[in-house]
PDB file of all heavy atoms in Angstrom:
ATOM      1  N   LEU A   1      25.105  -8.655  -0.143  1.00  0.00           N
ATOM      2  CA  LEU A   1      24.860  -7.249   0.163  1.00  0.00           C
ATOM      3  C   LEU A   1      25.498  -6.917   1.499  1.00  0.00           C
ATOM      4  O   LEU A   1      25.401  -7.678   2.478  1.00  0.00           O
ATOM      5  CB  LEU A   1      23.308  -6.968   0.274  1.00  0.00           C
ATOM      6  CG  LEU A   1      22.533  -7.230  -1.053  1.00  0.00           C
ATOM      7  CD1 LEU A   1      21.057  -6.991  -0.631  1.00  0.00           C
ATOM      8  CD2 LEU A   1      22.932  -6.409  -2.126  1.00  0.00           C
ATOM      9  N   ASP A   2      26.079  -5.730   1.561  1.00  0.00           N
ATOM     10  CA  ASP A   2      26.570  -5.230   2.913  1.00  0.00           C
ATOM     11  C   ASP A   2      25.394  -4.756   3.723  1.00  0.00           C
ATOM     12  O   ASP A   2      24.306  -4.537   3.232  1.00  0.00           O
ATOM     13  CB  ASP A   2      27.650  -4.187   2.746  1.00  0.00           C
ATOM     14  CG  ASP A   2      27.132  -2.846   2.095  1.00  0.00           C
ATOM     15  OD1 ASP A   2      26.002  -2.487   2.389  1.00  0.00           O
ATOM     16  OD2 ASP A   2      27.883  -2.260   1.309  1.00  0.00           O
ATOM     17  N   PRO A   3      25.570  -4.665   5.019  1.00  0.00           N
ATOM     18  CA  PRO A   3      24.448  -4.242   5.931  1.00  0.00           C
ATOM     19  C   PRO A   3      23.681  -2.975   5.425  1.00  0.00           C
ATOM     20  O   PRO A   3      22.420  -2.952   5.515  1.00  0.00           O
ATOM     21  CB  PRO A   3      25.029  -4.124   7.309  1.00  0.00           C
ATOM     22  CG  PRO A   3      26.300  -5.053   7.217  1.00  0.00           C
ATOM     23  CD  PRO A   3      26.798  -4.896   5.843  1.00  0.00           C
ATOM     24  N   LYS A   4      24.412  -1.983   4.973  1.00  0.00           N
ATOM     25  CA  LYS A   4      23.764  -0.726   4.579  1.00  0.00           C
ATOM     26  C   LYS A   4      22.944  -0.970   3.292  1.00  0.00           C
ATOM     27  O   LYS A   4      21.786  -0.396   3.231  1.00  0.00           O
ATOM     28  CB  LYS A   4      24.882   0.292   4.280  1.00  0.00           C
ATOM     29  CG  LYS A   4      24.394   1.694   3.816  1.00  0.00           C
ATOM     30  CD  LYS A   4      23.671   2.379   5.050  1.00  0.00           C
ATOM     31  CE  LYS A   4      23.282   3.838   4.643  1.00  0.00           C
ATOM     32  NZ  LYS A   4      24.402   4.649   4.635  1.00  0.00           N
ATOM     33  N   GLN A   5      23.398  -1.821   2.330  1.00  0.00           N
ATOM     34  CA  GLN A   5      22.662  -2.060   1.178  1.00  0.00           C
ATOM     35  C   GLN A   5      21.447  -2.802   1.508  1.00  0.00           C
ATOM     36  O   GLN A   5      20.346  -2.514   0.895  1.00  0.00           O
ATOM     37  CB  GLN A   5      23.550  -2.875   0.124  1.00  0.00           C
ATOM     38  CG  GLN A   5      24.614  -2.063  -0.462  1.00  0.00           C
ATOM     39  CD  GLN A   5      25.575  -2.914  -1.352  1.00  0.00           C
ATOM     40  OE1 GLN A   5      25.821  -4.018  -0.954  1.00  0.00           O
ATOM     41  NE2 GLN A   5      25.966  -2.351  -2.487  1.00  0.00           N
ATOM     42  N   LYS A   6      21.502  -3.764   2.457  1.00  0.00           N
ATOM     43  CA  LYS A   6      20.390  -4.516   2.901  1.00  0.00           C
ATOM     44  C   LYS A   6      19.349  -3.665   3.485  1.00  0.00           C
ATOM     45  O   LYS A   6      18.079  -3.870   3.259  1.00  0.00           O
ATOM     46  CB  LYS A   6      20.797  -5.697   3.774  1.00  0.00           C
ATOM     47  CG  LYS A   6      19.592  -6.696   3.988  1.00  0.00           C
ATOM     48  CD  LYS A   6      20.135  -7.920   4.721  1.00  0.00           C
ATOM     49  CE  LYS A   6      20.791  -8.830   3.697  1.00  0.00           C
ATOM     50  NZ  LYS A   6      21.052 -10.167   4.278  1.00  0.00           N
ATOM     51  N   GLU A   7      19.787  -2.747   4.324  1.00  0.00           N
ATOM     52  CA  GLU A   7      18.786  -1.714   4.968  1.00  0.00           C
ATOM     53  C   GLU A   7      18.103  -0.933   3.920  1.00  0.00           C
ATOM     54  O   GLU A   7      16.917  -0.732   3.958  1.00  0.00           O
ATOM     55  CB  GLU A   7      19.518  -0.908   5.954  1.00  0.00           C
ATOM     56  CG  GLU A   7      20.036  -1.529   7.273  1.00  0.00           C
ATOM     57  CD  GLU A   7      20.720  -0.546   8.130  1.00  0.00           C
ATOM     58  OE1 GLU A   7      20.521   0.663   7.947  1.00  0.00           O
ATOM     59  OE2 GLU A   7      21.574  -1.003   8.983  1.00  0.00           O
ATOM     60  N   GLN A   8      18.824  -0.499   2.949  1.00  0.00           N
ATOM     61  CA  GLN A   8      18.256   0.329   1.890  1.00  0.00           C
ATOM     62  C   GLN A   8      17.214  -0.465   1.099  1.00  0.00           C
ATOM     63  O   GLN A   8      16.120  -0.004   0.841  1.00  0.00           O
ATOM     64  CB  GLN A   8      19.302   0.832   0.951  1.00  0.00           C
ATOM     65  CG  GLN A   8      20.176   1.896   1.634  1.00  0.00           C
ATOM     66  CD  GLN A   8      21.390   2.292   0.648  1.00  0.00           C
ATOM     67  OE1 GLN A   8      21.915   1.502  -0.049  1.00  0.00           O
ATOM     68  NE2 GLN A   8      21.765   3.598   0.799  1.00  0.00           N
ATOM     69  N   LEU A   9      17.594  -1.710   0.772  1.00  0.00           N
ATOM     70  CA  LEU A   9      16.673  -2.569   0.018  1.00  0.00           C
ATOM     71  C   LEU A   9      15.365  -2.904   0.858  1.00  0.00           C
ATOM     72  O   LEU A   9      14.323  -2.886   0.312  1.00  0.00           O
ATOM     73  CB  LEU A   9      17.385  -3.888  -0.381  1.00  0.00           C
ATOM     74  CG  LEU A   9      16.496  -4.877  -1.207  1.00  0.00           C
ATOM     75  CD1 LEU A   9      16.059  -4.196  -2.444  1.00  0.00           C
ATOM     76  CD2 LEU A   9      17.357  -6.100  -1.500  1.00  0.00           C
ATOM     77  N   ARG A  10      15.526  -3.171   2.089  1.00  0.00           N
ATOM     78  CA  ARG A  10      14.430  -3.490   2.972  1.00  0.00           C
ATOM     79  C   ARG A  10      13.534  -2.226   3.103  1.00  0.00           C
ATOM     80  O   ARG A  10      12.263  -2.386   3.060  1.00  0.00           O
ATOM     81  CB  ARG A  10      14.899  -3.944   4.322  1.00  0.00           C
ATOM     82  CG  ARG A  10      13.800  -4.656   5.116  1.00  0.00           C
ATOM     83  CD  ARG A  10      14.221  -5.177   6.412  1.00  0.00           C
ATOM     84  NE  ARG A  10      13.538  -6.366   6.854  1.00  0.00           N
ATOM     85  CZ  ARG A  10      12.286  -6.328   7.294  1.00  0.00           C
ATOM     86  NH1 ARG A  10      11.613  -5.170   7.330  1.00  0.00           N
ATOM     87  NH2 ARG A  10      11.657  -7.405   7.633  1.00  0.00           N
ATOM     88  N   PHE A  11      14.107  -1.064   3.342  1.00  0.00           N
ATOM     89  CA  PHE A  11      13.317   0.111   3.377  1.00  0.00           C
ATOM     90  C   PHE A  11      12.518   0.410   2.072  1.00  0.00           C
ATOM     91  O   PHE A  11      11.332   0.698   2.130  1.00  0.00           O
ATOM     92  CB  PHE A  11      14.148   1.419   3.670  1.00  0.00           C
ATOM     93  CG  PHE A  11      13.420   2.674   3.808  1.00  0.00           C
ATOM     94  CD1 PHE A  11      12.972   3.002   5.061  1.00  0.00           C
ATOM     95  CD2 PHE A  11      13.234   3.473   2.762  1.00  0.00           C
ATOM     96  CE1 PHE A  11      12.209   4.206   5.290  1.00  0.00           C
ATOM     97  CE2 PHE A  11      12.479   4.649   2.861  1.00  0.00           C
ATOM     98  CZ  PHE A  11      11.981   5.029   4.151  1.00  0.00           C
ATOM     99  N   ALA A  12      13.179   0.224   0.895  1.00  0.00           N
ATOM    100  CA  ALA A  12      12.499   0.440  -0.319  1.00  0.00           C
ATOM    101  C   ALA A  12      11.387  -0.587  -0.582  1.00  0.00           C
ATOM    102  O   ALA A  12      10.344  -0.312  -1.075  1.00  0.00           O
ATOM    103  CB  ALA A  12      13.515   0.396  -1.482  1.00  0.00           C
ATOM    104  N   THR A  13      11.657  -1.834  -0.151  1.00  0.00           N
ATOM    105  CA  THR A  13      10.680  -2.938  -0.267  1.00  0.00           C
ATOM    106  C   THR A  13       9.426  -2.634   0.588  1.00  0.00           C
ATOM    107  O   THR A  13       8.262  -2.736   0.091  1.00  0.00           O
ATOM    108  CB  THR A  13      11.242  -4.272   0.059  1.00  0.00           C
ATOM    109  OG1 THR A  13      12.423  -4.503  -0.791  1.00  0.00           O
ATOM    110  CG2 THR A  13      10.262  -5.374  -0.143  1.00  0.00           C
ATOM    111  N   GLN A  14       9.700  -2.206   1.790  1.00  0.00           N
ATOM    112  CA  GLN A  14       8.624  -1.953   2.677  1.00  0.00           C
ATOM    113  C   GLN A  14       7.779  -0.689   2.259  1.00  0.00           C
ATOM    114  O   GLN A  14       6.515  -0.769   2.239  1.00  0.00           O
ATOM    115  CB  GLN A  14       9.130  -1.571   4.139  1.00  0.00           C
ATOM    116  CG  GLN A  14       8.024  -1.385   5.157  1.00  0.00           C
ATOM    117  CD  GLN A  14       7.209  -2.607   5.406  1.00  0.00           C
ATOM    118  OE1 GLN A  14       7.672  -3.634   5.897  1.00  0.00           O
ATOM    119  NE2 GLN A  14       5.921  -2.587   4.962  1.00  0.00           N
ATOM    120  N   ALA A  15       8.386   0.289   1.664  1.00  0.00           N
ATOM    121  CA  ALA A  15       7.773   1.480   1.156  1.00  0.00           C
ATOM    122  C   ALA A  15       6.882   1.031  -0.093  1.00  0.00           C
ATOM    123  O   ALA A  15       5.765   1.505  -0.212  1.00  0.00           O
ATOM    124  CB  ALA A  15       8.774   2.500   0.723  1.00  0.00           C
ATOM    125  N   PHE A  16       7.403   0.172  -0.896  1.00  0.00           N
ATOM    126  CA  PHE A  16       6.644  -0.305  -2.105  1.00  0.00           C
ATOM    127  C   PHE A  16       5.455  -1.092  -1.579  1.00  0.00           C
ATOM    128  O   PHE A  16       4.324  -0.935  -2.087  1.00  0.00           O
ATOM    129  CB  PHE A  16       7.527  -1.155  -2.919  1.00  0.00           C
ATOM    130  CG  PHE A  16       6.838  -1.973  -3.990  1.00  0.00           C
ATOM    131  CD1 PHE A  16       6.394  -1.306  -5.137  1.00  0.00           C
ATOM    132  CD2 PHE A  16       6.592  -3.369  -3.824  1.00  0.00           C
ATOM    133  CE1 PHE A  16       5.693  -1.981  -6.142  1.00  0.00           C
ATOM    134  CE2 PHE A  16       5.816  -4.010  -4.865  1.00  0.00           C
ATOM    135  CZ  PHE A  16       5.430  -3.417  -6.020  1.00  0.00           C
ATOM    136  N   LEU A  17       5.653  -1.979  -0.606  1.00  0.00           N
ATOM    137  CA  LEU A  17       4.518  -2.833  -0.173  1.00  0.00           C
ATOM    138  C   LEU A  17       3.450  -1.938   0.524  1.00  0.00           C
ATOM    139  O   LEU A  17       2.250  -2.192   0.342  1.00  0.00           O
ATOM    140  CB  LEU A  17       5.084  -3.853   0.842  1.00  0.00           C
ATOM    141  CG  LEU A  17       5.905  -4.939   0.234  1.00  0.00           C
ATOM    142  CD1 LEU A  17       6.608  -5.805   1.366  1.00  0.00           C
ATOM    143  CD2 LEU A  17       5.073  -5.839  -0.678  1.00  0.00           C
ATOM    144  N   ASP A  18       3.849  -0.990   1.251  1.00  0.00           N
ATOM    145  CA  ASP A  18       2.872  -0.031   1.911  1.00  0.00           C
ATOM    146  C   ASP A  18       2.057   0.685   0.784  1.00  0.00           C
ATOM    147  O   ASP A  18       0.885   0.866   0.927  1.00  0.00           O
ATOM    148  CB  ASP A  18       3.527   0.966   2.689  1.00  0.00           C
ATOM    149  CG  ASP A  18       4.148   0.367   4.059  1.00  0.00           C
ATOM    150  OD1 ASP A  18       3.678  -0.781   4.410  1.00  0.00           O
ATOM    151  OD2 ASP A  18       4.972   1.076   4.717  1.00  0.00           O
ATOM    152  N   ALA A  19       2.783   1.072  -0.256  1.00  0.00           N
ATOM    153  CA  ALA A  19       2.110   1.792  -1.350  1.00  0.00           C
ATOM    154  C   ALA A  19       1.122   0.927  -2.078  1.00  0.00           C
ATOM    155  O   ALA A  19       0.020   1.313  -2.573  1.00  0.00           O
ATOM    156  CB  ALA A  19       3.122   2.254  -2.308  1.00  0.00           C
ATOM    157  N   MET A  20       1.454  -0.415  -2.183  1.00  0.00           N
ATOM    158  CA  MET A  20       0.607  -1.305  -2.991  1.00  0.00           C
ATOM    159  C   MET A  20      -0.511  -2.053  -2.125  1.00  0.00           C
ATOM    160  O   MET A  20      -1.182  -2.962  -2.637  1.00  0.00           O
ATOM    161  CB  MET A  20       1.463  -2.427  -3.592  1.00  0.00           C
ATOM    162  CG  MET A  20       2.495  -1.877  -4.655  1.00  0.00           C
ATOM    163  SD  MET A  20       1.704  -0.925  -5.933  1.00  0.00           S
ATOM    164  CE  MET A  20       0.724  -2.223  -6.708  1.00  0.00           C
ATOM    165  N   SER A  21      -0.634  -1.603  -0.958  1.00  0.00           N
ATOM    166  CA  SER A  21      -1.738  -2.189  -0.114  1.00  0.00           C
ATOM    167  C   SER A  21      -3.079  -2.069  -0.785  1.00  0.00           C
ATOM    168  O   SER A  21      -3.419  -1.052  -1.358  1.00  0.00           O
ATOM    169  CB  SER A  21      -1.786  -1.547   1.329  1.00  0.00           C
ATOM    170  OG  SER A  21      -2.891  -1.844   2.012  1.00  0.00           O
ATOM    171  N   PRO A  22      -3.901  -3.129  -0.674  1.00  0.00           N
ATOM    172  CA  PRO A  22      -5.234  -3.023  -1.326  1.00  0.00           C
ATOM    173  C   PRO A  22      -6.139  -1.935  -0.669  1.00  0.00           C
ATOM    174  O   PRO A  22      -7.091  -1.466  -1.357  1.00  0.00           O
ATOM    175  CB  PRO A  22      -5.813  -4.381  -1.095  1.00  0.00           C
ATOM    176  CG  PRO A  22      -4.999  -5.031   0.025  1.00  0.00           C
ATOM    177  CD  PRO A  22      -3.643  -4.418  -0.177  1.00  0.00           C
ATOM    178  N   SER A  23      -5.755  -1.500   0.528  1.00  0.00           N
ATOM    179  CA  SER A  23      -6.508  -0.408   1.171  1.00  0.00           C
ATOM    180  C   SER A  23      -6.320   0.923   0.431  1.00  0.00           C
ATOM    181  O   SER A  23      -7.123   1.875   0.585  1.00  0.00           O
ATOM    182  CB  SER A  23      -6.155  -0.311   2.616  1.00  0.00           C
ATOM    183  OG  SER A  23      -4.702   0.015   2.699  1.00  0.00           O
ATOM    184  N   ASN A  24      -5.280   1.001  -0.418  1.00  0.00           N
ATOM    185  CA  ASN A  24      -4.937   2.261  -1.137  1.00  0.00           C
ATOM    186  C   ASN A  24      -5.626   2.452  -2.460  1.00  0.00           C
ATOM    187  O   ASN A  24      -5.411   3.500  -3.131  1.00  0.00           O
ATOM    188  CB  ASN A  24      -3.448   2.428  -1.300  1.00  0.00           C
ATOM    189  CG  ASN A  24      -2.715   2.400   0.021  1.00  0.00           C
ATOM    190  OD1 ASN A  24      -3.256   2.740   1.039  1.00  0.00           O
ATOM    191  ND2 ASN A  24      -1.408   2.032  -0.087  1.00  0.00           N
ATOM    192  N   PHE A  25      -6.443   1.506  -2.826  1.00  0.00           N
ATOM    193  CA  PHE A  25      -7.104   1.515  -4.232  1.00  0.00           C
ATOM    194  C   PHE A  25      -8.604   1.404  -4.112  1.00  0.00           C
ATOM    195  O   PHE A  25      -9.107   0.544  -3.289  1.00  0.00           O
ATOM    196  CB  PHE A  25      -6.508   0.445  -5.118  1.00  0.00           C
ATOM    197  CG  PHE A  25      -5.009   0.561  -5.330  1.00  0.00           C
ATOM    198  CD1 PHE A  25      -4.146  -0.075  -4.444  1.00  0.00           C
ATOM    199  CD2 PHE A  25      -4.504   1.374  -6.289  1.00  0.00           C
ATOM    200  CE1 PHE A  25      -2.758   0.003  -4.603  1.00  0.00           C
ATOM    201  CE2 PHE A  25      -3.129   1.497  -6.479  1.00  0.00           C
ATOM    202  CZ  PHE A  25      -2.249   0.783  -5.640  1.00  0.00           C
ATOM    203  N   PRO A  26      -9.342   2.238  -4.855  1.00  0.00           N
ATOM    204  CA  PRO A  26     -10.790   2.249  -4.569  1.00  0.00           C
ATOM    205  C   PRO A  26     -11.475   0.862  -4.892  1.00  0.00           C
ATOM    206  O   PRO A  26     -12.379   0.501  -4.162  1.00  0.00           O
ATOM    207  CB  PRO A  26     -11.268   3.312  -5.593  1.00  0.00           C
ATOM    208  CG  PRO A  26     -10.138   3.497  -6.545  1.00  0.00           C
ATOM    209  CD  PRO A  26      -8.833   3.159  -5.784  1.00  0.00           C
ATOM    210  N   LEU A  27     -11.015   0.164  -5.921  1.00  0.00           N
ATOM    211  CA  LEU A  27     -11.737  -1.053  -6.275  1.00  0.00           C
ATOM    212  C   LEU A  27     -11.388  -2.226  -5.405  1.00  0.00           C
ATOM    213  O   LEU A  27     -12.073  -3.320  -5.434  1.00  0.00           O
ATOM    214  CB  LEU A  27     -11.441  -1.418  -7.766  1.00  0.00           C
ATOM    215  CG  LEU A  27     -11.965  -0.417  -8.781  1.00  0.00           C
ATOM    216  CD1 LEU A  27     -11.644  -0.920 -10.174  1.00  0.00           C
ATOM    217  CD2 LEU A  27     -13.443  -0.267  -8.584  1.00  0.00           C
ATOM    218  N   THR A  28     -10.313  -2.077  -4.613  1.00  0.00           N
ATOM    219  CA  THR A  28      -9.920  -3.191  -3.666  1.00  0.00           C
ATOM    220  C   THR A  28     -10.120  -2.849  -2.192  1.00  0.00           C
ATOM    221  O   THR A  28      -9.583  -3.511  -1.317  1.00  0.00           O
ATOM    222  CB  THR A  28      -8.508  -3.651  -4.003  1.00  0.00           C
ATOM    223  OG1 THR A  28      -7.653  -2.477  -3.854  1.00  0.00           O
ATOM    224  CG2 THR A  28      -8.359  -4.264  -5.324  1.00  0.00           C
ATOM    225  N   ASN A  29     -10.821  -1.742  -1.963  1.00  0.00           N
ATOM    226  CA  ASN A  29     -11.122  -1.358  -0.583  1.00  0.00           C
ATOM    227  C   ASN A  29     -12.568  -1.237  -0.378  1.00  0.00           C
ATOM    228  O   ASN A  29     -13.270  -0.418  -0.882  1.00  0.00           O
ATOM    229  CB  ASN A  29     -10.529  -0.030  -0.328  1.00  0.00           C
ATOM    230  CG  ASN A  29     -10.566   0.413   1.161  1.00  0.00           C
ATOM    231  OD1 ASN A  29     -11.567   0.183   1.845  1.00  0.00           O
ATOM    232  ND2 ASN A  29      -9.559   1.221   1.637  1.00  0.00           N
ATOM    233  N   PRO A  30     -13.163  -2.236   0.342  1.00  0.00           N
ATOM    234  CA  PRO A  30     -14.589  -2.241   0.545  1.00  0.00           C
ATOM    235  C   PRO A  30     -15.207  -1.063   1.239  1.00  0.00           C
ATOM    236  O   PRO A  30     -16.372  -0.666   0.940  1.00  0.00           O
ATOM    237  CB  PRO A  30     -14.841  -3.599   1.361  1.00  0.00           C
ATOM    238  CG  PRO A  30     -13.555  -3.784   2.035  1.00  0.00           C
ATOM    239  CD  PRO A  30     -12.518  -3.341   1.081  1.00  0.00           C
ATOM    240  N   GLU A  31     -14.436  -0.476   2.123  1.00  0.00           N
ATOM    241  CA  GLU A  31     -14.870   0.740   2.808  1.00  0.00           C
ATOM    242  C   GLU A  31     -15.099   1.907   1.818  1.00  0.00           C
ATOM    243  O   GLU A  31     -16.106   2.698   1.974  1.00  0.00           O
ATOM    244  CB  GLU A  31     -13.875   1.179   3.870  1.00  0.00           C
ATOM    245  CG  GLU A  31     -13.663   0.175   5.009  1.00  0.00           C
ATOM    246  CD  GLU A  31     -12.656   0.611   5.934  1.00  0.00           C
ATOM    247  OE1 GLU A  31     -12.836   1.536   6.789  1.00  0.00           O
ATOM    248  OE2 GLU A  31     -11.444   0.127   5.814  1.00  0.00           O
ATOM    249  N   VAL A  32     -14.189   2.083   0.887  1.00  0.00           N
ATOM    250  CA  VAL A  32     -14.294   3.071  -0.118  1.00  0.00           C
ATOM    251  C   VAL A  32     -15.521   2.791  -1.053  1.00  0.00           C
ATOM    252  O   VAL A  32     -16.218   3.739  -1.317  1.00  0.00           O
ATOM    253  CB  VAL A  32     -13.026   3.089  -1.025  1.00  0.00           C
ATOM    254  CG1 VAL A  32     -13.193   4.096  -2.118  1.00  0.00           C
ATOM    255  CG2 VAL A  32     -11.826   3.525  -0.126  1.00  0.00           C
ATOM    256  N   LEU A  33     -15.687   1.537  -1.434  1.00  0.00           N
ATOM    257  CA  LEU A  33     -16.854   1.250  -2.287  1.00  0.00           C
ATOM    258  C   LEU A  33     -18.156   1.478  -1.631  1.00  0.00           C
ATOM    259  O   LEU A  33     -19.163   2.033  -2.181  1.00  0.00           O
ATOM    260  CB  LEU A  33     -16.694  -0.195  -2.732  1.00  0.00           C
ATOM    261  CG  LEU A  33     -15.519  -0.552  -3.655  1.00  0.00           C
ATOM    262  CD1 LEU A  33     -15.525  -2.139  -3.869  1.00  0.00           C
ATOM    263  CD2 LEU A  33     -15.690   0.115  -4.967  1.00  0.00           C
ATOM    264  N   GLU A  34     -18.268   1.124  -0.352  1.00  0.00           N
ATOM    265  CA  GLU A  34     -19.451   1.315   0.448  1.00  0.00           C
ATOM    266  C   GLU A  34     -19.810   2.798   0.553  1.00  0.00           C
ATOM    267  O   GLU A  34     -20.926   3.189   0.403  1.00  0.00           O
ATOM    268  CB  GLU A  34     -19.284   0.656   1.839  1.00  0.00           C
ATOM    269  CG  GLU A  34     -20.502   0.752   2.734  1.00  0.00           C
ATOM    270  CD  GLU A  34     -20.363   0.055   4.038  1.00  0.00           C
ATOM    271  OE1 GLU A  34     -20.435  -1.186   4.029  1.00  0.00           O
ATOM    272  OE2 GLU A  34     -20.171   0.793   5.057  1.00  0.00           O
ATOM    273  N   ARG A  35     -18.733   3.564   0.863  1.00  0.00           N
ATOM    274  CA  ARG A  35     -19.012   5.039   1.007  1.00  0.00           C
ATOM    275  C   ARG A  35     -19.383   5.687  -0.279  1.00  0.00           C
ATOM    276  O   ARG A  35     -20.176   6.605  -0.310  1.00  0.00           O
ATOM    277  CB  ARG A  35     -17.724   5.733   1.560  1.00  0.00           C
ATOM    278  CG  ARG A  35     -17.953   7.170   1.887  1.00  0.00           C
ATOM    279  CD  ARG A  35     -16.768   7.796   2.733  1.00  0.00           C
ATOM    280  NE  ARG A  35     -16.863   9.161   2.803  1.00  0.00           N
ATOM    281  CZ  ARG A  35     -17.630   9.886   3.624  1.00  0.00           C
ATOM    282  NH1 ARG A  35     -18.473   9.189   4.448  1.00  0.00           N
ATOM    283  NH2 ARG A  35     -17.692  11.155   3.698  1.00  0.00           N
ATOM    284  N   ALA A  36     -18.865   5.228  -1.396  1.00  0.00           N
ATOM    285  CA  ALA A  36     -19.138   5.728  -2.718  1.00  0.00           C
ATOM    286  C   ALA A  36     -20.694   5.465  -3.021  1.00  0.00           C
ATOM    287  O   ALA A  36     -21.399   6.390  -3.525  1.00  0.00           O
ATOM    288  CB  ALA A  36     -18.253   5.113  -3.756  1.00  0.00           C
ATOM    289  N   VAL A  37     -21.146   4.283  -2.619  1.00  0.00           N
ATOM    290  CA  VAL A  37     -22.534   3.989  -2.914  1.00  0.00           C
ATOM    291  C   VAL A  37     -23.381   4.821  -1.982  1.00  0.00           C
ATOM    292  O   VAL A  37     -24.453   5.375  -2.430  1.00  0.00           O
ATOM    293  CB  VAL A  37     -22.757   2.481  -2.639  1.00  0.00           C
ATOM    294  CG1 VAL A  37     -24.264   2.172  -2.673  1.00  0.00           C
ATOM    295  CG2 VAL A  37     -22.028   1.624  -3.698  1.00  0.00           C
ATOM    296  N   GLU A  38     -23.056   5.002  -0.699  1.00  0.00           N
ATOM    297  CA  GLU A  38     -23.829   5.765   0.235  1.00  0.00           C
ATOM    298  C   GLU A  38     -23.936   7.201  -0.182  1.00  0.00           C
ATOM    299  O   GLU A  38     -25.061   7.774   0.034  1.00  0.00           O
ATOM    300  CB  GLU A  38     -23.195   5.610   1.659  1.00  0.00           C
ATOM    301  CG  GLU A  38     -23.298   4.298   2.275  1.00  0.00           C
ATOM    302  CD  GLU A  38     -22.534   4.183   3.628  1.00  0.00           C
ATOM    303  OE1 GLU A  38     -21.766   5.213   3.902  1.00  0.00           O
ATOM    304  OE2 GLU A  38     -22.693   3.264   4.316  1.00  0.00           O
ATOM    305  N   THR A  39     -22.845   7.776  -0.729  1.00  0.00           N
ATOM    306  CA  THR A  39     -22.924   9.170  -1.023  1.00  0.00           C
ATOM    307  C   THR A  39     -23.255   9.399  -2.527  1.00  0.00           C
ATOM    308  O   THR A  39     -23.194  10.572  -2.960  1.00  0.00           O
ATOM    309  CB  THR A  39     -21.553   9.833  -0.773  1.00  0.00           C
ATOM    310  OG1 THR A  39     -20.505   9.172  -1.628  1.00  0.00           O
ATOM    311  CG2 THR A  39     -21.173   9.648   0.654  1.00  0.00           C
ATOM    312  N   LYS A  40     -23.648   8.302  -3.209  1.00  0.00           N
ATOM    313  CA  LYS A  40     -23.895   8.379  -4.681  1.00  0.00           C
ATOM    314  C   LYS A  40     -22.722   9.021  -5.429  1.00  0.00           C
ATOM    315  O   LYS A  40     -22.955   9.843  -6.400  1.00  0.00           O
ATOM    316  CB  LYS A  40     -25.214   9.257  -4.871  1.00  0.00           C
ATOM    317  CG  LYS A  40     -26.436   8.480  -4.257  1.00  0.00           C
ATOM    318  CD  LYS A  40     -27.665   9.360  -4.501  1.00  0.00           C
ATOM    319  CE  LYS A  40     -28.871   8.619  -3.916  1.00  0.00           C
ATOM    320  NZ  LYS A  40     -30.184   9.453  -4.173  1.00  0.00           N
TER     321      LYS A  40
END
């Protein structure tokens, strides 16, 4: 890959990883689950 292609791939990979963080999903975020229980 040329440097520009590698930058594009790294940016896209980082964006994907940020999106797939367990903090972004209700069943894999304990803070979300706790608040849901607290607020019924």
